[in-house]
C-alpha atoms as a PDB file:
ATOM      1  CA  MET A   1     134.093 124.820  80.152  1.00  0.00           C
ATOM      2  CA  ILE A   2     131.943 126.789  78.102  1.00  0.00           C
ATOM      3  CA  GLU A   3     129.844 129.743  79.345  1.00  0.00           C
ATOM      4  CA  HIS A   4     126.584 129.725  78.164  1.00  0.00           C
ATOM      5  CA  SER A   5     124.371 133.287  78.321  1.00  0.00           C
ATOM      6  CA  PRO A   6     121.671 133.481  80.793  1.00  0.00           C
ATOM      7  CA  GLU A   7     118.924 133.298  78.258  1.00  0.00           C
ATOM      8  CA  ILE A   8     120.195 129.965  77.198  1.00  0.00           C
ATOM      9  CA  ARG A   9     120.508 128.689  80.799  1.00  0.00           C
ATOM     10  CA  ARG A  10     116.943 130.084  81.328  1.00  0.00           C
ATOM     11  CA  ARG A  11     115.624 128.373  78.317  1.00  0.00           C
ATOM     12  CA  ALA A  12     117.345 125.073  79.277  1.00  0.00           C
ATOM     13  CA  GLN A  13     115.855 125.228  82.647  1.00  0.00           C
ATOM     14  CA  GLU A  14     112.191 125.857  81.441  1.00  0.00           C
ATOM     15  CA  HIS A  15     112.678 122.842  78.941  1.00  0.00           C
ATOM     16  CA  PHE A  16     114.034 120.524  81.715  1.00  0.00           C
ATOM     17  CA  GLU A  17     111.054 121.711  83.879  1.00  0.00           C
ATOM     18  CA  ARG A  18     108.655 120.859  81.033  1.00  0.00           C
ATOM     19  CA  SER A  19     110.098 117.720  80.704  1.00  0.00           C
ATOM     20  CA  GLN A  20     109.984 116.771  84.293  1.00  0.00           C
ATOM     21  CA  GLN A  21     106.461 117.892  84.873  1.00  0.00           C
ATOM     22  CA  ALA A  22     105.596 115.605  81.619  1.00  0.00           C
ATOM     23  CA  SER A  23     107.476 112.636  82.986  1.00  0.00           C
ATOM     24  CA  ASN A  24     105.656 113.081  86.476  1.00  0.00           C
ATOM     25  CA  ALA A  25     102.221 113.366  84.882  1.00  0.00           C
ATOM     26  CA  PHE A  26     102.978 110.050  83.002  1.00  0.00           C
ATOM     27  CA  THR A  27     103.959 108.233  86.024  1.00  0.00           C
ATOM     28  CA  ASP A  28     100.969 109.383  88.138  1.00  0.00           C
ATOM     29  CA  ARG A  29      98.731 107.999  85.596  1.00  0.00           C
ATOM     30  CA  LEU A  30     100.707 104.704  85.650  1.00  0.00           C
ATOM     31  CA  PHE A  31     100.147 104.698  89.288  1.00  0.00           C
ATOM     32  CA  SER A  32      96.496 105.529  89.211  1.00  0.00           C
ATOM     33  CA  VAL A  33      96.044 102.263  87.022  1.00  0.00           C
ATOM     34  CA  LEU A  34      98.125 100.489  89.603  1.00  0.00           C
ATOM     35  CA  MET A  35      95.932 101.569  92.244  1.00  0.00           C
ATOM     36  CA  LEU A  36      92.624 100.442  90.550  1.00  0.00           C
ATOM     37  CA  VAL A  37      94.303  96.912  89.945  1.00  0.00           C
ATOM     38  CA  GLN A  38      95.180  96.573  93.355  1.00  0.00           C
ATOM     39  CA  TRP A  39      91.701  97.619  94.509  1.00  0.00           C
ATOM     40  CA  ALA A  40      90.396  94.808  92.128  1.00  0.00           C
ATOM     41  CA  GLY A  41      93.077  92.301  93.692  1.00  0.00           C
ATOM     42  CA  SER A  42      92.216  93.380  97.330  1.00  0.00           C
ATOM     43  CA  VAL A  43      88.549  92.516  96.364  1.00  0.00           C
ATOM     44  CA  GLY A  44      89.585  89.447  94.841  1.00  0.00           C
ATOM     45  CA  ALA A  45      91.834  88.318  97.685  1.00  0.00           C
ATOM     46  CA  ALA A  46      89.237  89.047 100.120  1.00  0.00           C
ATOM     47  CA  LEU A  47      86.399  86.911  98.193  1.00  0.00           C
ATOM     48  CA  TRP A  48      89.381  84.108  97.741  1.00  0.00           C
ATOM     49  CA  PHE A  49      90.431  83.952 101.313  1.00  0.00           C
ATOM     50  CA  SER A  50      87.084  84.643 103.297  1.00  0.00           C
ATOM     51  CA  PRO A  51      83.888  84.956 101.056  1.00  0.00           C
ATOM     52  CA  SER A  52      81.597  84.346 103.589  1.00  0.00           C
ATOM     53  CA  THR A  53      81.108  84.150 107.457  1.00  0.00           C
ATOM     54  CA  TRP A  54      78.907  81.743 109.483  1.00  0.00           C
ATOM     55  CA  GLU A  55      76.695  82.368 112.431  1.00  0.00           C
ATOM     56  CA  GLY A  56      74.899  79.079 112.856  1.00  0.00           C
ATOM     57  CA  ALA A  57      73.292  77.965 109.898  1.00  0.00           C
ATOM     58  CA  ARG A  58      73.188  81.409 108.498  1.00  0.00           C
ATOM     59  CA  SER A  59      75.865  82.912 106.063  1.00  0.00           C
ATOM     60  CA  SER A  60      76.825  86.315 105.271  1.00  0.00           C
ATOM     61  CA  VAL A  61      79.433  88.380 103.503  1.00  0.00           C
ATOM     62  CA  HIS A  62      82.562  88.233 105.477  1.00  0.00           C
ATOM     63  CA  PRO A  63      83.655  91.868 106.858  1.00  0.00           C
ATOM     64  CA  HIS A  64      87.161  91.693 104.800  1.00  0.00           C
ATOM     65  CA  VAL A  65      85.160  91.639 101.667  1.00  0.00           C
ATOM     66  CA  TRP A  66      83.359  95.031 102.759  1.00  0.00           C
ATOM     67  CA  TRP A  67      86.861  96.127 104.074  1.00  0.00           C
ATOM     68  CA  ALA A  68      88.223  95.376 100.609  1.00  0.00           C
ATOM     69  CA  LEU A  69      85.427  97.151  99.008  1.00  0.00           C
ATOM     70  CA  CYS A  70      85.250 100.486 101.145  1.00  0.00           C
ATOM     71  CA  LEU A  71      88.645 100.932 102.312  1.00  0.00           C
ATOM     72  CA  GLY A  72      90.525  99.679  99.027  1.00  0.00           C
ATOM     73  CA  GLY A  73      88.048 102.136  97.259  1.00  0.00           C
ATOM     74  CA  ALA A  74      88.987 104.982  99.223  1.00  0.00           C
ATOM     75  CA  LEU A  75      92.642 104.056  98.904  1.00  0.00           C
ATOM     76  CA  ALA A  76      92.374 104.049  95.106  1.00  0.00           C
ATOM     77  CA  LEU A  77      90.149 106.613  94.537  1.00  0.00           C
ATOM     78  CA  MET A  78      91.643 109.549  96.185  1.00  0.00           C
ATOM     79  CA  PRO A  79      94.969 109.255  94.158  1.00  0.00           C
ATOM     80  CA  VAL A  80      93.052 108.480  91.027  1.00  0.00           C
ATOM     81  CA  ALA A  81      91.041 111.700  91.548  1.00  0.00           C
ATOM     82  CA  LEU A  82      94.221 113.977  92.156  1.00  0.00           C
ATOM     83  CA  THR A  83      95.637 112.241  88.938  1.00  0.00           C
ATOM     84  CA  LEU A  84      93.054 113.751  87.038  1.00  0.00           C
ATOM     85  CA  LEU A  85      93.065 117.095  88.813  1.00  0.00           C
ATOM     86  CA  ARG A  86      96.360 117.930  89.699  1.00  0.00           C
ATOM     87  CA  PRO A  87      98.964 115.422  87.451  1.00  0.00           C
ATOM     88  CA  GLY A  88     102.570 115.780  88.236  1.00  0.00           C
ATOM     89  CA  SER A  89     101.972 117.537  91.455  1.00  0.00           C
ATOM     90  CA  LEU A  90     104.054 117.020  94.710  1.00  0.00           C
ATOM     91  CA  THR A  91     100.611 116.761  96.442  1.00  0.00           C
ATOM     92  CA  THR A  92      99.470 113.683  94.087  1.00  0.00           C
ATOM     93  CA  ARG A  93     102.862 112.028  94.387  1.00  0.00           C
ATOM     94  CA  LEU A  94     102.745 111.935  98.052  1.00  0.00           C
ATOM     95  CA  VAL A  95      98.925 110.840  98.249  1.00  0.00           C
ATOM     96  CA  ILE A  96      99.892 107.915  95.869  1.00  0.00           C
ATOM     97  CA  ALA A  97     102.984 106.995  98.070  1.00  0.00           C
ATOM     98  CA  ALA A  98     100.955 106.653 101.008  1.00  0.00           C
ATOM     99  CA  ALA A  99      98.081 104.989  99.387  1.00  0.00           C
ATOM    100  CA  GLN A 100     100.545 102.460  97.994  1.00  0.00           C
ATOM    101  CA  SER A 101     101.855 101.869 101.566  1.00  0.00           C
ATOM    102  CA  CYS A 102      98.388 101.389 102.889  1.00  0.00           C
ATOM    103  CA  PHE A 103      97.596  98.940  99.968  1.00  0.00           C
ATOM    104  CA  SER A 104     100.217  96.742 101.653  1.00  0.00           C
ATOM    105  CA  ALA A 105      98.854  96.731 105.027  1.00  0.00           C
ATOM    106  CA  LEU A 106      95.138  96.187 103.558  1.00  0.00           C
ATOM    107  CA  LEU A 107      96.478  92.969 101.535  1.00  0.00           C
ATOM    108  CA  ILE A 108      98.556  91.805 104.634  1.00  0.00           C
ATOM    109  CA  HIS A 109      95.189  92.143 106.743  1.00  0.00           C
ATOM    110  CA  LEU A 110      92.984  90.422 104.478  1.00  0.00           C
ATOM    111  CA  THR A 111      95.176  87.394 103.759  1.00  0.00           C
ATOM    112  CA  GLY A 112      95.570  86.929 107.681  1.00  0.00           C
ATOM    113  CA  GLY A 113      99.198  87.893 107.630  1.00  0.00           C
ATOM    114  CA  ARG A 114     100.490  85.328 105.127  1.00  0.00           C
ATOM    115  CA  ILE A 115     104.127  85.720 104.602  1.00  0.00           C
ATOM    116  CA  GLU A 116     104.044  85.924 100.944  1.00  0.00           C
ATOM    117  CA  THR A 117     101.761  89.108 100.914  1.00  0.00           C
ATOM    118  CA  HIS A 118     104.637  90.801 102.725  1.00  0.00           C
ATOM    119  CA  PHE A 119     106.684  90.921  99.486  1.00  0.00           C
ATOM    120  CA  HIS A 120     103.976  93.323  98.452  1.00  0.00           C
ATOM    121  CA  VAL A 121     105.915  95.866 100.810  1.00  0.00           C
ATOM    122  CA  PHE A 122     109.081  95.145  98.959  1.00  0.00           C
ATOM    123  CA  GLY A 123     107.482  95.466  95.484  1.00  0.00           C
ATOM    124  CA  SER A 124     105.805  98.710  96.416  1.00  0.00           C
ATOM    125  CA  LEU A 125     109.195 100.129  97.760  1.00  0.00           C
ATOM    126  CA  ALA A 126     110.826  99.180  94.412  1.00  0.00           C
ATOM    127  CA  PHE A 127     108.140 101.026  92.539  1.00  0.00           C
ATOM    128  CA  LEU A 128     108.186 103.775  94.612  1.00  0.00           C
ATOM    129  CA  ALA A 129     112.053 104.431  94.596  1.00  0.00           C
ATOM    130  CA  PHE A 130     111.466 104.603  90.671  1.00  0.00           C
ATOM    131  CA  TYR A 131     108.649 106.979  91.330  1.00  0.00           C
ATOM    132  CA  ARG A 132     111.045 109.316  93.327  1.00  0.00           C
END
């Protein structure tokens, strides 16, 4: 086995850390796009499954649409903001992972617990496993 000088080991470590930071920042940007797509998808699901509610002869926007707009927006905008402010940081990755999990719960709620929506959880876990 070849022994390298401390200078070479230090430079290799610095190169590795720069490469890891660039990879984390790139993945953060991909996840921020995914968050915005999920937000639009949650609004679309709410409009598709329960666009309006009826009280007698009067129709109004269903609360699920407001949940998708407001809660989905909050879930998407925090990770996107952190991606812009602190790309590649541990805090950003943790917030993205938590928001991804919450999006699964929101989508399951919006679709009335349909079994097909539960597969979003499995897809999210796969994405988060690669994100690690």
